Amino acid sequence: MSIRSTLFAAALTLASLGAAHAEGLRPIQAKSIDLGEVSGITYYTVEREGFRVVTTLAQGETGTPIRVVSVLAPGQSVVLSTPRQAGSLEIIRQADSVLVRKTAAVAN
C-alpha cells in the first residue's frame, strides 16, 4: 500500500472518530482533519524549541499531499483553511496542551 493510500485510509478511519468541539491531543496521537474536499491528519511532538505540529493534507485519494510544519509556543495557534466555505481548522497550544477545533470559514 502506498504512503498516500495509507494516509487517506487513516484519515477516513479517524474522521469517524472526530468531534465538532475542541479536542485535546497527546504527543504523537494522530487527529483526523476534514476540510471538505481536503482531508488529512495532524499530530505533534515535544521539541526543545516548542511543540512541533505536523499536518499532512491531500485532496481525495489522488491529490498531491502537502505537509505543513509549525512550531508552537504557549498561546500560539495555526489555522488551516480552504478557499471554499468548508470552514477552517485551528490548532492551538495552551500551556502544555494542544487543542484542535473546527471554526467558521476564514474571510478573504
C-alpha atoms as a PDB file:
ATOM      1  CA  MET A   1       0.000   0.000   0.000  1.00  0.00           C
ATOM      2  CA  SER A   2       1.443   3.410  -0.936  1.00  0.00           C
ATOM      3  CA  ILE A   3       2.027   6.153   1.627  1.00  0.00           C
ATOM      4  CA  ARG A   4      -0.735   8.249   0.029  1.00  0.00           C
ATOM      5  CA  SER A   5      -3.210   5.372   0.287  1.00  0.00           C
ATOM      6  CA  THR A   6      -2.183   4.738   3.880  1.00  0.00           C
ATOM      7  CA  LEU A   7      -2.663   8.411   4.814  1.00  0.00           C
ATOM      8  CA  PHE A   8      -6.021   8.500   3.066  1.00  0.00           C
ATOM      9  CA  ALA A   9      -7.184   5.325   4.813  1.00  0.00           C
ATOM     10  CA  ALA A  10      -6.005   6.653   8.188  1.00  0.00           C
ATOM     11  CA  ALA A  11      -7.788   9.959   7.583  1.00  0.00           C
ATOM     12  CA  LEU A  12     -11.041   8.201   6.680  1.00  0.00           C
ATOM     13  CA  THR A  13     -10.804   5.920   9.684  1.00  0.00           C
ATOM     14  CA  LEU A  14     -10.059   8.764  12.084  1.00  0.00           C
ATOM     15  CA  ALA A  15     -12.710  11.021  10.503  1.00  0.00           C
ATOM     16  CA  SER A  16     -15.431   8.887  12.006  1.00  0.00           C
ATOM     17  CA  LEU A  17     -13.954   9.489  15.467  1.00  0.00           C
ATOM     18  CA  GLY A  18     -13.681  13.313  15.225  1.00  0.00           C
ATOM     19  CA  ALA A  19     -15.927  15.731  17.074  1.00  0.00           C
ATOM     20  CA  ALA A  20     -17.018  19.308  16.325  1.00  0.00           C
ATOM     21  CA  HIS A  21     -15.716  20.777  19.606  1.00  0.00           C
ATOM     22  CA  ALA A  22     -12.089  21.349  20.576  1.00  0.00           C
ATOM     23  CA  GLU A  23     -10.276  18.119  21.306  1.00  0.00           C
ATOM     24  CA  GLY A  24      -7.020  17.748  23.158  1.00  0.00           C
ATOM     25  CA  LEU A  25      -4.163  15.772  21.653  1.00  0.00           C
ATOM     26  CA  ARG A  26      -1.346  13.850  23.263  1.00  0.00           C
ATOM     27  CA  PRO A  27       2.137  13.826  21.694  1.00  0.00           C
ATOM     28  CA  ILE A  28       2.274  11.590  18.600  1.00  0.00           C
ATOM     29  CA  GLN A  29      -1.510  10.998  18.723  1.00  0.00           C
ATOM     30  CA  ALA A  30      -2.918  11.428  15.198  1.00  0.00           C
ATOM     31  CA  LYS A  31      -6.068  13.511  14.682  1.00  0.00           C
ATOM     32  CA  SER A  32      -8.146  13.401  11.518  1.00  0.00           C
ATOM     33  CA  ILE A  33      -8.760  16.653   9.646  1.00  0.00           C
ATOM     34  CA  ASP A  34     -11.697  17.226   7.315  1.00  0.00           C
ATOM     35  CA  LEU A  35     -11.942  20.480   5.360  1.00  0.00           C
ATOM     36  CA  GLY A  36     -14.500  19.385   2.789  1.00  0.00           C
ATOM     37  CA  GLU A  37     -12.653  18.126  -0.285  1.00  0.00           C
ATOM     38  CA  VAL A  38      -9.321  18.273   1.567  1.00  0.00           C
ATOM     39  CA  SER A  39      -8.554  15.897   4.427  1.00  0.00           C
ATOM     40  CA  GLY A  40      -5.602  14.503   6.303  1.00  0.00           C
ATOM     41  CA  ILE A  41      -4.066  14.067   9.727  1.00  0.00           C
ATOM     42  CA  THR A  42      -2.196  16.150  12.299  1.00  0.00           C
ATOM     43  CA  TYR A  43      -0.004  15.266  15.265  1.00  0.00           C
ATOM     44  CA  TYR A  44       2.643  16.944  17.388  1.00  0.00           C
ATOM     45  CA  THR A  45       5.921  16.167  19.093  1.00  0.00           C
ATOM     46  CA  VAL A  46       7.570  17.948  22.005  1.00  0.00           C
ATOM     47  CA  GLU A  47      10.799  19.638  20.916  1.00  0.00           C
ATOM     48  CA  ARG A  48      13.169  21.973  22.735  1.00  0.00           C
ATOM     49  CA  GLU A  49      12.002  24.925  20.574  1.00  0.00           C
ATOM     50  CA  GLY A  50       8.296  24.225  21.214  1.00  0.00           C
ATOM     51  CA  PHE A  51       5.597  21.800  20.122  1.00  0.00           C
ATOM     52  CA  ARG A  52       6.228  20.741  16.508  1.00  0.00           C
ATOM     53  CA  VAL A  53       2.826  20.306  14.840  1.00  0.00           C
ATOM     54  CA  VAL A  54       2.891  18.283  11.609  1.00  0.00           C
ATOM     55  CA  THR A  55      -0.172  18.319   9.352  1.00  0.00           C
ATOM     56  CA  THR A  56      -0.458  16.345   6.108  1.00  0.00           C
ATOM     57  CA  LEU A  57      -3.344  17.142   3.754  1.00  0.00           C
ATOM     58  CA  ALA A  58      -4.484  15.901   0.342  1.00  0.00           C
ATOM     59  CA  GLN A  59      -7.475  16.370  -1.921  1.00  0.00           C
ATOM     60  CA  GLY A  60      -9.076  12.965  -2.400  1.00  0.00           C
ATOM     61  CA  GLU A  61      -7.059   9.809  -2.917  1.00  0.00           C
ATOM     62  CA  THR A  62      -5.224  11.102  -5.999  1.00  0.00           C
ATOM     63  CA  GLY A  63      -4.351  14.611  -4.783  1.00  0.00           C
ATOM     64  CA  THR A  64      -0.742  15.509  -4.108  1.00  0.00           C
ATOM     65  CA  PRO A  65      -0.218  15.513  -0.348  1.00  0.00           C
ATOM     66  CA  ILE A  66       1.257  18.610   1.273  1.00  0.00           C
ATOM     67  CA  ARG A  67       2.816  18.842   4.709  1.00  0.00           C
ATOM     68  CA  VAL A  68       2.649  21.891   6.945  1.00  0.00           C
ATOM     69  CA  VAL A  69       5.034  22.014   9.908  1.00  0.00           C
ATOM     70  CA  SER A  70       4.697  24.652  12.634  1.00  0.00           C
ATOM     71  CA  VAL A  71       6.450  25.054  15.960  1.00  0.00           C
ATOM     72  CA  LEU A  72       4.058  26.489  18.545  1.00  0.00           C
ATOM     73  CA  ALA A  73       4.986  28.245  21.776  1.00  0.00           C
ATOM     74  CA  PRO A  74       2.370  28.554  24.552  1.00  0.00           C
ATOM     75  CA  GLY A  75      -0.541  30.742  23.385  1.00  0.00           C
ATOM     76  CA  GLN A  76       0.209  30.377  19.673  1.00  0.00           C
ATOM     77  CA  SER A  77      -2.029  28.783  17.065  1.00  0.00           C
ATOM     78  CA  VAL A  78      -2.138  27.895  13.396  1.00  0.00           C
ATOM     79  CA  VAL A  79      -5.240  27.998  11.176  1.00  0.00           C
ATOM     80  CA  LEU A  80      -5.748  25.721   8.168  1.00  0.00           C
ATOM     81  CA  SER A  81      -8.492  26.522   5.677  1.00  0.00           C
ATOM     82  CA  THR A  82      -9.589  26.016   2.083  1.00  0.00           C
ATOM     83  CA  PRO A  83     -10.910  28.657  -0.322  1.00  0.00           C
ATOM     84  CA  ARG A  84     -14.339  27.038  -0.233  1.00  0.00           C
ATOM     85  CA  GLN A  85     -16.835  27.562   2.575  1.00  0.00           C
ATOM     86  CA  ALA A  86     -15.956  24.284   4.356  1.00  0.00           C
ATOM     87  CA  GLY A  87     -14.722  26.222   7.370  1.00  0.00           C
ATOM     88  CA  SER A  88     -11.292  26.062   8.874  1.00  0.00           C
ATOM     89  CA  LEU A  89      -9.366  24.184  11.499  1.00  0.00           C
ATOM     90  CA  GLU A  90      -7.465  25.851  14.323  1.00  0.00           C
ATOM     91  CA  ILE A  91      -4.638  24.097  16.155  1.00  0.00           C
ATOM     92  CA  ILE A  92      -3.937  25.861  19.458  1.00  0.00           C
ATOM     93  CA  ARG A  93      -1.239  25.410  22.054  1.00  0.00           C
ATOM     94  CA  GLN A  94      -2.471  26.281  25.544  1.00  0.00           C
ATOM     95  CA  ALA A  95       0.325  25.833  28.102  1.00  0.00           C
ATOM     96  CA  ASP A  96       1.311  22.155  27.774  1.00  0.00           C
ATOM     97  CA  SER A  97      -1.768  21.121  25.772  1.00  0.00           C
ATOM     98  CA  VAL A  98      -2.632  21.139  22.076  1.00  0.00           C
ATOM     99  CA  LEU A  99      -6.286  21.582  21.062  1.00  0.00           C
ATOM    100  CA  VAL A 100      -7.824  21.085  17.623  1.00  0.00           C
ATOM    101  CA  ARG A 101     -11.133  22.731  16.794  1.00  0.00           C
ATOM    102  CA  LYS A 102     -13.262  23.441  13.765  1.00  0.00           C
ATOM    103  CA  THR A 103     -14.020  27.138  13.225  1.00  0.00           C
ATOM    104  CA  ALA A 104     -16.072  29.243  10.822  1.00  0.00           C
ATOM    105  CA  ALA A 105     -14.687  29.914   7.350  1.00  0.00           C
ATOM    106  CA  VAL A 106     -11.865  32.445   7.204  1.00  0.00           C
ATOM    107  CA  ALA A 107     -12.827  35.675   5.438  1.00  0.00           C
ATOM    108  CA  ASN A 108     -10.690  36.655   2.434  1.00  0.00           C
END
